[in-house]
N, C-alpha and C. Protein backbone atom coordinates (compact mmCIF):
# COMPACT_ATOMS: atom_id res chain seq x y z
N ARG A 1 150.63 47.75 111.37
CA ARG A 1 151.39 48.94 111.00
C ARG A 1 152.89 48.70 111.17
N HIS A 2 153.24 48.05 112.27
CA HIS A 2 154.63 47.73 112.54
C HIS A 2 155.17 46.77 111.48
N ASP A 3 154.33 45.80 111.08
CA ASP A 3 154.73 44.85 110.04
C ASP A 3 154.98 45.54 108.71
N LYS A 4 154.17 46.55 108.38
CA LYS A 4 154.35 47.28 107.11
C LYS A 4 155.71 47.95 107.07
N LYS A 5 156.13 48.50 108.19
CA LYS A 5 157.42 49.18 108.25
C LYS A 5 158.54 48.18 107.94
N TYR A 6 158.51 47.01 108.60
CA TYR A 6 159.56 46.03 108.40
C TYR A 6 159.49 45.40 107.01
N ARG A 7 158.28 45.23 106.50
CA ARG A 7 158.15 44.71 105.14
C ARG A 7 158.78 45.67 104.15
N LYS A 8 158.54 46.97 104.35
CA LYS A 8 159.12 47.98 103.45
C LYS A 8 160.65 47.94 103.52
N ILE A 9 161.19 47.81 104.72
CA ILE A 9 162.65 47.75 104.89
C ILE A 9 163.19 46.48 104.21
N ALA A 10 162.55 45.34 104.50
CA ALA A 10 163.03 44.07 103.92
C ALA A 10 162.98 44.10 102.40
N LYS A 11 161.90 44.65 101.86
CA LYS A 11 161.75 44.71 100.40
C LYS A 11 162.84 45.60 99.78
N ALA A 12 163.06 46.77 100.38
CA ALA A 12 164.07 47.69 99.85
C ALA A 12 165.46 47.09 99.91
N VAL A 13 165.79 46.44 101.03
CA VAL A 13 167.12 45.84 101.19
C VAL A 13 167.28 44.68 100.22
N ASN A 14 166.29 43.81 100.16
CA ASN A 14 166.36 42.64 99.29
C ASN A 14 166.52 43.05 97.82
N PHE A 15 165.68 43.95 97.34
CA PHE A 15 165.77 44.37 95.94
C PHE A 15 167.08 45.08 95.68
N SER A 16 167.48 45.93 96.58
CA SER A 16 168.71 46.69 96.36
C SER A 16 169.92 45.76 96.28
N ILE A 17 170.03 44.85 97.21
CA ILE A 17 171.17 43.93 97.20
C ILE A 17 171.14 43.03 95.97
N ASN A 18 169.98 42.49 95.65
CA ASN A 18 169.89 41.56 94.52
C ASN A 18 170.06 42.23 93.18
N TYR A 19 169.84 43.54 93.10
CA TYR A 19 169.98 44.22 91.83
C TYR A 19 171.14 45.21 91.83
N GLY A 20 172.09 45.00 92.72
CA GLY A 20 173.34 45.75 92.67
C GLY A 20 173.34 47.09 93.36
N GLY A 21 172.38 47.33 94.22
CA GLY A 21 172.36 48.59 94.95
C GLY A 21 173.40 48.60 96.06
N SER A 22 173.47 49.70 96.75
CA SER A 22 174.46 49.86 97.80
C SER A 22 173.79 50.43 99.05
N GLU A 23 174.60 50.65 100.07
CA GLU A 23 174.06 51.29 101.28
C GLU A 23 173.49 52.67 100.97
N TYR A 24 174.03 53.32 99.95
CA TYR A 24 173.54 54.66 99.59
C TYR A 24 172.15 54.58 98.95
N SER A 25 171.94 53.59 98.10
CA SER A 25 170.62 53.46 97.48
C SER A 25 169.57 53.06 98.52
N ILE A 26 169.95 52.19 99.45
CA ILE A 26 169.03 51.80 100.52
C ILE A 26 168.74 53.00 101.41
N SER A 27 169.78 53.73 101.75
CA SER A 27 169.62 54.94 102.57
C SER A 27 168.66 55.92 101.92
N ASN A 28 168.82 56.13 100.61
CA ASN A 28 167.93 57.05 99.90
C ASN A 28 166.50 56.53 99.81
N SER A 29 166.34 55.25 99.50
CA SER A 29 164.98 54.73 99.31
C SER A 29 164.20 54.65 100.62
N LEU A 30 164.89 54.43 101.73
CA LEU A 30 164.20 54.33 103.02
C LEU A 30 164.31 55.60 103.86
N ASP A 31 165.08 56.56 103.37
CA ASP A 31 165.32 57.80 104.11
C ASP A 31 165.86 57.52 105.51
N ILE A 32 166.94 56.74 105.52
CA ILE A 32 167.62 56.38 106.77
C ILE A 32 169.09 56.72 106.64
N PRO A 33 169.82 56.79 107.76
CA PRO A 33 171.26 57.05 107.68
C PRO A 33 172.00 55.92 106.96
N VAL A 34 173.08 56.25 106.30
CA VAL A 34 173.88 55.28 105.55
C VAL A 34 174.39 54.18 106.48
N GLU A 35 174.75 54.53 107.72
CA GLU A 35 175.25 53.53 108.66
C GLU A 35 174.18 52.47 108.95
N GLU A 36 172.92 52.88 109.07
CA GLU A 36 171.84 51.93 109.32
C GLU A 36 171.65 51.02 108.10
N ALA A 37 171.72 51.61 106.92
CA ALA A 37 171.61 50.82 105.69
C ALA A 37 172.75 49.81 105.60
N ARG A 38 173.94 50.23 105.98
CA ARG A 38 175.10 49.34 105.96
C ARG A 38 174.89 48.15 106.91
N ARG A 39 174.29 48.41 108.08
CA ARG A 39 174.00 47.31 109.02
C ARG A 39 173.00 46.33 108.42
N TYR A 40 172.01 46.83 107.69
CA TYR A 40 171.05 45.94 107.03
C TYR A 40 171.76 45.05 106.01
N ILE A 41 172.67 45.62 105.25
CA ILE A 41 173.42 44.84 104.25
C ILE A 41 174.28 43.79 104.94
N GLU A 42 174.96 44.17 106.02
CA GLU A 42 175.79 43.20 106.75
C GLU A 42 174.94 42.07 107.31
N ALA A 43 173.76 42.39 107.84
CA ALA A 43 172.86 41.36 108.37
C ALA A 43 172.39 40.44 107.25
N TYR A 44 172.05 41.02 106.11
CA TYR A 44 171.63 40.22 104.95
C TYR A 44 172.74 39.28 104.51
N ASN A 45 173.94 39.83 104.36
CA ASN A 45 175.08 39.03 103.90
C ASN A 45 175.43 37.90 104.86
N SER A 46 175.28 38.13 106.15
CA SER A 46 175.60 37.07 107.12
C SER A 46 174.48 36.02 107.19
N ARG A 47 173.26 36.41 106.92
CA ARG A 47 172.14 35.47 107.00
C ARG A 47 171.94 34.71 105.69
N TYR A 48 172.10 35.36 104.56
CA TYR A 48 171.80 34.76 103.26
C TYR A 48 173.07 34.47 102.47
N THR A 49 173.96 33.73 103.10
CA THR A 49 175.25 33.44 102.48
C THR A 49 175.10 32.65 101.18
N GLU A 50 174.10 31.77 101.08
CA GLU A 50 173.92 30.99 99.86
C GLU A 50 173.54 31.89 98.69
N CYS A 51 172.74 32.93 98.94
CA CYS A 51 172.40 33.89 97.88
C CYS A 51 173.65 34.59 97.36
N ILE A 52 174.51 34.98 98.27
CA ILE A 52 175.75 35.67 97.89
C ILE A 52 176.63 34.71 97.08
N ARG A 53 176.75 33.46 97.55
CA ARG A 53 177.56 32.48 96.80
C ARG A 53 176.97 32.23 95.42
N TRP A 54 175.62 32.12 95.33
CA TRP A 54 174.98 31.90 94.03
C TRP A 54 175.29 33.04 93.07
N LYS A 55 175.16 34.28 93.55
CA LYS A 55 175.46 35.43 92.68
C LYS A 55 176.90 35.39 92.19
N ASN A 56 177.82 35.08 93.09
CA ASN A 56 179.23 35.00 92.71
C ASN A 56 179.48 33.89 91.70
N ARG A 57 178.81 32.73 91.89
CA ARG A 57 178.95 31.63 90.92
C ARG A 57 178.43 32.02 89.55
N GLU A 58 177.31 32.73 89.49
CA GLU A 58 176.73 33.14 88.21
C GLU A 58 177.66 34.11 87.47
N VAL A 59 178.27 35.01 88.20
CA VAL A 59 179.22 35.95 87.59
C VAL A 59 180.43 35.18 87.07
N GLN A 60 180.95 34.24 87.87
CA GLN A 60 182.10 33.43 87.43
C GLN A 60 181.75 32.61 86.19
N LYS A 61 180.56 32.04 86.15
CA LYS A 61 180.14 31.27 84.97
C LYS A 61 180.14 32.15 83.73
N MET A 62 179.68 33.39 83.89
CA MET A 62 179.65 34.31 82.75
C MET A 62 181.06 34.51 82.19
N TYR A 63 182.05 34.70 83.06
CA TYR A 63 183.42 34.86 82.59
C TYR A 63 183.94 33.57 81.95
N GLN A 64 183.63 32.43 82.55
CA GLN A 64 184.08 31.15 82.01
C GLN A 64 183.43 30.84 80.66
N GLN A 65 182.25 31.36 80.42
CA GLN A 65 181.52 31.11 79.17
C GLN A 65 181.74 32.23 78.16
N GLY A 66 182.82 32.99 78.34
CA GLY A 66 183.17 34.01 77.37
C GLY A 66 182.21 35.19 77.32
N GLY A 67 181.61 35.53 78.46
CA GLY A 67 180.72 36.69 78.51
C GLY A 67 179.27 36.38 78.19
N LYS A 68 178.92 35.11 78.19
CA LYS A 68 177.55 34.72 77.87
C LYS A 68 176.91 34.05 79.08
N VAL A 69 175.63 34.34 79.32
CA VAL A 69 174.87 33.66 80.37
C VAL A 69 173.58 33.12 79.78
N TYR A 70 173.01 32.14 80.46
CA TYR A 70 171.78 31.51 80.00
C TYR A 70 170.76 31.54 81.12
N SER A 71 169.52 31.80 80.75
CA SER A 71 168.45 31.71 81.74
C SER A 71 168.23 30.24 82.08
N VAL A 72 167.45 29.95 83.11
CA VAL A 72 167.18 28.56 83.47
C VAL A 72 166.44 27.84 82.35
N PHE A 73 165.86 28.58 81.41
CA PHE A 73 165.18 28.00 80.26
C PHE A 73 166.09 27.91 79.05
N GLY A 74 167.36 28.33 79.20
CA GLY A 74 168.32 28.23 78.11
C GLY A 74 168.40 29.44 77.21
N ARG A 75 167.69 30.52 77.54
CA ARG A 75 167.74 31.72 76.70
C ARG A 75 169.04 32.46 76.99
N PRO A 76 169.87 32.74 75.95
CA PRO A 76 171.18 33.36 76.18
C PRO A 76 171.12 34.89 76.25
N ARG A 77 172.12 35.43 76.89
CA ARG A 77 172.38 36.87 76.83
C ARG A 77 173.88 37.05 76.77
N GLN A 78 174.34 37.88 75.85
CA GLN A 78 175.75 38.09 75.58
C GLN A 78 176.23 39.39 76.22
N PHE A 79 177.31 39.32 77.00
CA PHE A 79 177.89 40.50 77.64
C PHE A 79 179.29 40.81 77.14
N ILE A 80 179.78 40.05 76.18
CA ILE A 80 181.17 40.18 75.74
C ILE A 80 181.50 41.57 75.21
N THR A 81 180.58 42.19 74.49
CA THR A 81 180.83 43.53 73.94
C THR A 81 181.05 44.54 75.06
N ARG A 82 180.22 44.48 76.10
CA ARG A 82 180.38 45.40 77.23
C ARG A 82 181.69 45.13 77.96
N LEU A 83 182.04 43.86 78.12
CA LEU A 83 183.29 43.54 78.80
C LEU A 83 184.49 44.02 78.00
N LYS A 84 184.44 43.88 76.67
CA LYS A 84 185.55 44.37 75.83
C LYS A 84 185.66 45.89 75.92
N SER A 85 184.51 46.58 75.94
CA SER A 85 184.57 48.05 76.05
C SER A 85 185.14 48.46 77.40
N ALA A 86 184.89 47.67 78.45
CA ALA A 86 185.47 47.96 79.76
C ALA A 86 186.98 47.81 79.73
N SER A 87 187.46 46.75 79.10
CA SER A 87 188.91 46.51 79.09
C SER A 87 189.65 47.45 78.13
N ASN A 88 188.93 48.01 77.15
CA ASN A 88 189.59 48.88 76.15
C ASN A 88 189.39 50.37 76.40
N CYS A 89 188.71 50.74 77.46
CA CYS A 89 188.38 52.16 77.62
C CYS A 89 189.57 53.01 78.06
N GLY A 90 190.58 52.40 78.69
CA GLY A 90 191.77 53.16 79.06
C GLY A 90 191.65 53.89 80.39
N ASP A 91 190.49 53.95 80.96
CA ASP A 91 190.29 54.62 82.25
C ASP A 91 189.85 53.54 83.25
N GLU A 92 190.71 53.28 84.24
CA GLU A 92 190.44 52.18 85.17
C GLU A 92 189.14 52.37 85.94
N LYS A 93 188.83 53.61 86.31
CA LYS A 93 187.61 53.89 87.07
C LYS A 93 186.36 53.57 86.22
N ILE A 94 186.39 53.99 84.98
CA ILE A 94 185.26 53.71 84.07
C ILE A 94 185.20 52.22 83.79
N SER A 95 186.35 51.60 83.59
CA SER A 95 186.41 50.17 83.34
C SER A 95 185.77 49.39 84.48
N MET A 96 186.07 49.76 85.72
CA MET A 96 185.50 49.08 86.89
C MET A 96 183.99 49.29 86.96
N LYS A 97 183.54 50.50 86.61
CA LYS A 97 182.09 50.77 86.62
C LYS A 97 181.37 49.92 85.59
N ILE A 98 181.94 49.82 84.40
CA ILE A 98 181.32 49.01 83.35
C ILE A 98 181.29 47.55 83.77
N GLN A 99 182.42 47.06 84.29
CA GLN A 99 182.49 45.66 84.73
C GLN A 99 181.49 45.39 85.85
N SER A 100 181.37 46.29 86.78
CA SER A 100 180.41 46.15 87.87
C SER A 100 178.97 46.13 87.35
N ALA A 101 178.69 46.99 86.38
CA ALA A 101 177.35 47.03 85.78
C ALA A 101 177.04 45.72 85.06
N VAL A 102 178.02 45.18 84.36
CA VAL A 102 177.84 43.90 83.67
C VAL A 102 177.55 42.81 84.69
N GLU A 103 178.29 42.77 85.77
CA GLU A 103 178.11 41.72 86.78
C GLU A 103 176.73 41.83 87.43
N ARG A 104 176.24 43.04 87.66
CA ARG A 104 174.87 43.21 88.19
C ARG A 104 173.85 42.69 87.19
N ARG A 105 174.08 42.98 85.91
CA ARG A 105 173.13 42.55 84.87
C ARG A 105 173.11 41.03 84.71
N VAL A 106 174.21 40.38 84.98
CA VAL A 106 174.25 38.91 84.90
C VAL A 106 173.24 38.34 85.89
N VAL A 107 173.30 38.78 87.12
CA VAL A 107 172.40 38.30 88.16
C VAL A 107 170.97 38.74 87.85
N ASN A 108 170.81 39.97 87.42
CA ASN A 108 169.49 40.47 87.06
C ASN A 108 168.88 39.63 85.94
N HIS A 109 169.70 39.27 84.95
CA HIS A 109 169.21 38.44 83.84
C HIS A 109 168.70 37.11 84.37
N GLU A 110 169.45 36.49 85.26
CA GLU A 110 169.03 35.19 85.81
C GLU A 110 167.67 35.30 86.48
N ILE A 111 167.47 36.32 87.28
CA ILE A 111 166.21 36.47 88.03
C ILE A 111 165.08 36.91 87.12
N GLN A 112 165.29 38.01 86.41
CA GLN A 112 164.23 38.57 85.59
C GLN A 112 163.86 37.68 84.41
N SER A 113 164.83 37.05 83.78
CA SER A 113 164.50 36.23 82.63
C SER A 113 163.71 35.01 83.06
N CYS A 114 164.03 34.47 84.21
CA CYS A 114 163.27 33.34 84.72
C CYS A 114 161.81 33.74 84.93
N CYS A 115 161.60 34.87 85.58
CA CYS A 115 160.23 35.35 85.81
C CYS A 115 159.51 35.60 84.49
N GLY A 116 160.19 36.23 83.55
CA GLY A 116 159.58 36.51 82.25
C GLY A 116 159.26 35.25 81.48
N ASP A 117 160.16 34.27 81.52
CA ASP A 117 159.93 33.02 80.80
C ASP A 117 158.77 32.23 81.41
N VAL A 118 158.67 32.22 82.73
CA VAL A 118 157.54 31.55 83.39
C VAL A 118 156.24 32.22 82.97
N CYS A 119 156.22 33.55 82.99
CA CYS A 119 155.02 34.29 82.60
C CYS A 119 154.64 33.99 81.15
N ARG A 120 155.61 34.00 80.24
CA ARG A 120 155.32 33.69 78.84
C ARG A 120 154.77 32.28 78.67
N SER A 121 155.36 31.34 79.39
CA SER A 121 154.90 29.96 79.33
C SER A 121 153.44 29.85 79.75
N ILE A 122 153.10 30.50 80.83
CA ILE A 122 151.72 30.47 81.34
C ILE A 122 150.78 31.19 80.37
N LEU A 123 151.20 32.32 79.85
CA LEU A 123 150.34 33.06 78.91
C LEU A 123 150.08 32.25 77.64
N LEU A 124 151.07 31.50 77.19
CA LEU A 124 150.86 30.63 76.02
C LEU A 124 149.82 29.56 76.30
N LYS A 125 149.89 28.94 77.48
CA LYS A 125 148.89 27.94 77.84
C LYS A 125 147.49 28.55 77.88
N LEU A 126 147.40 29.75 78.46
CA LEU A 126 146.10 30.44 78.55
C LEU A 126 145.58 30.80 77.16
N TYR A 127 146.47 31.27 76.31
CA TYR A 127 146.07 31.64 74.95
C TYR A 127 145.50 30.44 74.21
N ARG A 128 146.22 29.34 74.28
CA ARG A 128 145.76 28.13 73.57
C ARG A 128 144.41 27.65 74.09
N LYS A 129 144.19 27.76 75.39
CA LYS A 129 142.96 27.23 75.98
C LYS A 129 141.76 28.17 75.77
N TYR A 130 141.95 29.47 75.97
CA TYR A 130 140.81 30.39 75.99
C TYR A 130 140.77 31.42 74.87
N PHE A 131 141.91 31.95 74.51
CA PHE A 131 141.89 33.16 73.70
C PHE A 131 142.13 32.94 72.21
N ALA A 132 142.73 31.85 71.82
CA ALA A 132 142.95 31.58 70.39
C ALA A 132 141.63 31.42 69.66
N HIS A 133 140.66 30.87 70.33
CA HIS A 133 139.36 30.62 69.71
C HIS A 133 138.26 31.47 70.32
N ARG A 134 138.65 32.48 71.04
CA ARG A 134 137.74 33.49 71.61
C ARG A 134 136.59 32.88 72.42
N ASP A 135 136.89 32.47 73.63
CA ASP A 135 135.88 31.99 74.57
C ASP A 135 135.05 33.19 75.03
N PRO A 136 133.73 33.17 74.86
CA PRO A 136 132.90 34.33 75.18
C PRO A 136 132.74 34.59 76.68
N ASN A 137 133.16 33.65 77.52
CA ASN A 137 132.98 33.81 78.97
C ASN A 137 134.16 34.46 79.68
N ILE A 138 135.27 34.65 78.97
CA ILE A 138 136.46 35.18 79.63
C ILE A 138 137.20 36.14 78.69
N ASP A 139 137.66 37.23 79.26
CA ASP A 139 138.50 38.19 78.53
C ASP A 139 139.77 38.40 79.32
N PHE A 140 140.88 38.37 78.64
CA PHE A 140 142.17 38.69 79.25
C PHE A 140 142.30 40.20 79.27
N ILE A 141 142.63 40.77 80.41
CA ILE A 141 142.76 42.23 80.51
C ILE A 141 144.22 42.65 80.47
N SER A 142 145.03 42.09 81.37
CA SER A 142 146.43 42.51 81.37
C SER A 142 147.27 41.65 82.31
N VAL A 143 148.58 41.86 82.22
CA VAL A 143 149.52 41.33 83.19
C VAL A 143 150.07 42.53 83.94
N ILE A 144 150.02 42.48 85.25
CA ILE A 144 150.56 43.55 86.08
C ILE A 144 151.59 42.90 87.01
N HIS A 145 152.86 43.14 86.73
CA HIS A 145 153.98 42.50 87.45
C HIS A 145 153.81 40.99 87.43
N ASP A 146 153.38 40.42 88.55
CA ASP A 146 153.24 38.96 88.62
C ASP A 146 151.76 38.55 88.71
N GLU A 147 150.87 39.39 88.20
CA GLU A 147 149.44 39.09 88.22
C GLU A 147 148.89 39.07 86.80
N CYS A 148 147.94 38.15 86.58
CA CYS A 148 147.18 38.12 85.34
C CYS A 148 145.76 38.53 85.70
N VAL A 149 145.21 39.47 84.96
CA VAL A 149 143.88 40.00 85.27
C VAL A 149 142.92 39.60 84.16
N TYR A 150 141.76 39.06 84.55
CA TYR A 150 140.75 38.60 83.60
C TYR A 150 139.40 39.19 83.98
N SER A 151 138.54 39.25 83.00
CA SER A 151 137.12 39.54 83.21
C SER A 151 136.39 38.25 82.85
N ILE A 152 135.63 37.71 83.82
CA ILE A 152 134.96 36.42 83.63
C ILE A 152 133.47 36.58 83.90
N ASN A 153 132.67 35.95 83.07
CA ASN A 153 131.22 35.92 83.24
C ASN A 153 130.91 35.36 84.63
N LYS A 154 130.08 36.07 85.42
CA LYS A 154 129.78 35.67 86.80
C LYS A 154 129.23 34.25 86.91
N GLU A 155 128.39 33.87 85.97
CA GLU A 155 127.73 32.57 86.06
C GLU A 155 128.72 31.39 86.01
N VAL A 156 129.85 31.58 85.39
CA VAL A 156 130.81 30.47 85.24
C VAL A 156 132.15 30.77 85.95
N ALA A 157 132.19 31.83 86.71
CA ALA A 157 133.46 32.30 87.29
C ALA A 157 134.15 31.24 88.15
N VAL A 158 133.41 30.54 89.01
CA VAL A 158 134.04 29.57 89.90
C VAL A 158 134.72 28.47 89.10
N ASP A 159 134.03 27.95 88.09
CA ASP A 159 134.63 26.88 87.26
C ASP A 159 135.87 27.38 86.53
N TYR A 160 135.80 28.58 85.99
CA TYR A 160 136.92 29.12 85.24
C TYR A 160 138.12 29.39 86.15
N VAL A 161 137.85 29.90 87.34
CA VAL A 161 138.96 30.20 88.26
C VAL A 161 139.67 28.92 88.65
N ARG A 162 138.95 27.86 88.89
CA ARG A 162 139.60 26.57 89.20
C ARG A 162 140.48 26.12 88.03
N ASP A 163 139.95 26.25 86.83
CA ASP A 163 140.72 25.86 85.64
C ASP A 163 141.93 26.77 85.46
N LEU A 164 141.75 28.06 85.65
CA LEU A 164 142.85 29.01 85.54
C LEU A 164 143.95 28.68 86.55
N GLN A 165 143.55 28.35 87.76
CA GLN A 165 144.55 28.03 88.78
C GLN A 165 145.37 26.81 88.35
N ASP A 166 144.72 25.80 87.80
CA ASP A 166 145.46 24.63 87.31
C ASP A 166 146.39 25.00 86.16
N LEU A 167 145.89 25.81 85.22
CA LEU A 167 146.71 26.20 84.07
C LEU A 167 147.90 27.06 84.47
N MET A 168 147.71 27.90 85.48
CA MET A 168 148.75 28.85 85.85
C MET A 168 149.75 28.31 86.87
N THR A 169 149.45 27.17 87.48
CA THR A 169 150.42 26.57 88.39
C THR A 169 151.55 26.03 87.55
N PHE A 170 152.75 26.46 87.84
CA PHE A 170 153.90 26.15 87.00
C PHE A 170 154.74 25.05 87.64
N THR A 171 154.97 23.99 86.91
CA THR A 171 155.82 22.90 87.41
C THR A 171 156.90 22.57 86.39
N GLY A 172 157.30 23.55 85.62
CA GLY A 172 158.29 23.33 84.57
C GLY A 172 159.63 22.91 85.10
N LEU A 173 160.55 22.70 84.20
CA LEU A 173 161.91 22.29 84.52
C LEU A 173 161.93 21.00 85.33
N ASN A 174 161.18 20.01 84.85
CA ASN A 174 161.14 18.68 85.48
C ASN A 174 160.73 18.72 86.94
N GLY A 175 159.83 19.62 87.29
CA GLY A 175 159.33 19.70 88.65
C GLY A 175 160.28 20.34 89.64
N GLN A 176 161.43 20.83 89.16
CA GLN A 176 162.42 21.45 90.05
C GLN A 176 161.98 22.84 90.49
N PHE A 177 160.97 23.36 89.85
CA PHE A 177 160.67 24.77 89.97
C PHE A 177 159.18 25.01 90.19
N PRO A 178 158.55 24.36 91.18
CA PRO A 178 157.10 24.51 91.32
C PRO A 178 156.71 25.90 91.82
N LEU A 179 155.73 26.50 91.16
CA LEU A 179 155.21 27.79 91.58
C LEU A 179 153.70 27.66 91.76
N ASP A 180 153.24 27.95 92.95
CA ASP A 180 151.81 27.91 93.22
C ASP A 180 151.18 29.24 92.85
N VAL A 181 149.87 29.22 92.69
CA VAL A 181 149.13 30.40 92.27
C VAL A 181 148.02 30.66 93.28
N SER A 182 147.79 31.92 93.57
CA SER A 182 146.63 32.27 94.40
C SER A 182 145.66 33.05 93.53
N MET A 183 144.40 32.90 93.81
CA MET A 183 143.33 33.55 93.03
C MET A 183 142.48 34.39 93.96
N SER A 184 141.91 35.44 93.41
CA SER A 184 140.94 36.23 94.17
C SER A 184 139.90 36.80 93.21
N PHE A 185 138.71 37.03 93.74
CA PHE A 185 137.60 37.59 92.97
C PHE A 185 137.44 39.06 93.33
N GLY A 186 136.94 39.81 92.38
CA GLY A 186 136.58 41.20 92.63
C GLY A 186 135.50 41.60 91.66
N ASN A 187 134.73 42.61 92.02
CA ASN A 187 133.68 43.08 91.15
C ASN A 187 134.12 44.20 90.23
N ASN A 188 135.36 44.70 90.46
CA ASN A 188 135.92 45.72 89.59
C ASN A 188 137.44 45.65 89.70
N MET A 189 138.13 46.44 88.90
CA MET A 189 139.60 46.38 88.87
C MET A 189 140.24 46.73 90.21
N GLY A 190 139.62 47.58 90.99
CA GLY A 190 140.18 47.98 92.27
C GLY A 190 140.16 46.88 93.32
N GLN A 191 139.36 45.85 93.07
CA GLN A 191 139.27 44.78 94.06
C GLN A 191 140.17 43.65 93.67
């Protein structure tokens, strides 16, 4: 129970900081005083200095590349239009808000696009192996955040799960980016 409390705090602080939140958003999401949320941010910033430097480098790269960023897979996203609207709006407060929103989206793009590209890559491998030719022993049900859900014939489930684990383990980007996979069985969607 104690671990759940700290996990909830860590998750809220981590997501909020990485996606541009503030002490106010953390305070609201955890229902804690703003001063306590501020202490969490200060502790995060002092402990995870490399994360902060990485975010700052990504924002600087975006400016150096004329408002464009690329995912680790090379997929581009253009922010130049938003940056131009910030500089041309005539209201410094609005301009700063737009610029801040763009900078948050740069980091968000790096994180989210990487996750999305990995998921697409894995789904393509699964499609080619099982679903393009309709394997009668397995049905793809859905993707839920970072989970892929299947319905597999009980008689062959162990063999399929081993194969799925191999297919879903991601070692793309020349092995720089290994992602392991965990598997679990259930007799219904709730399990």
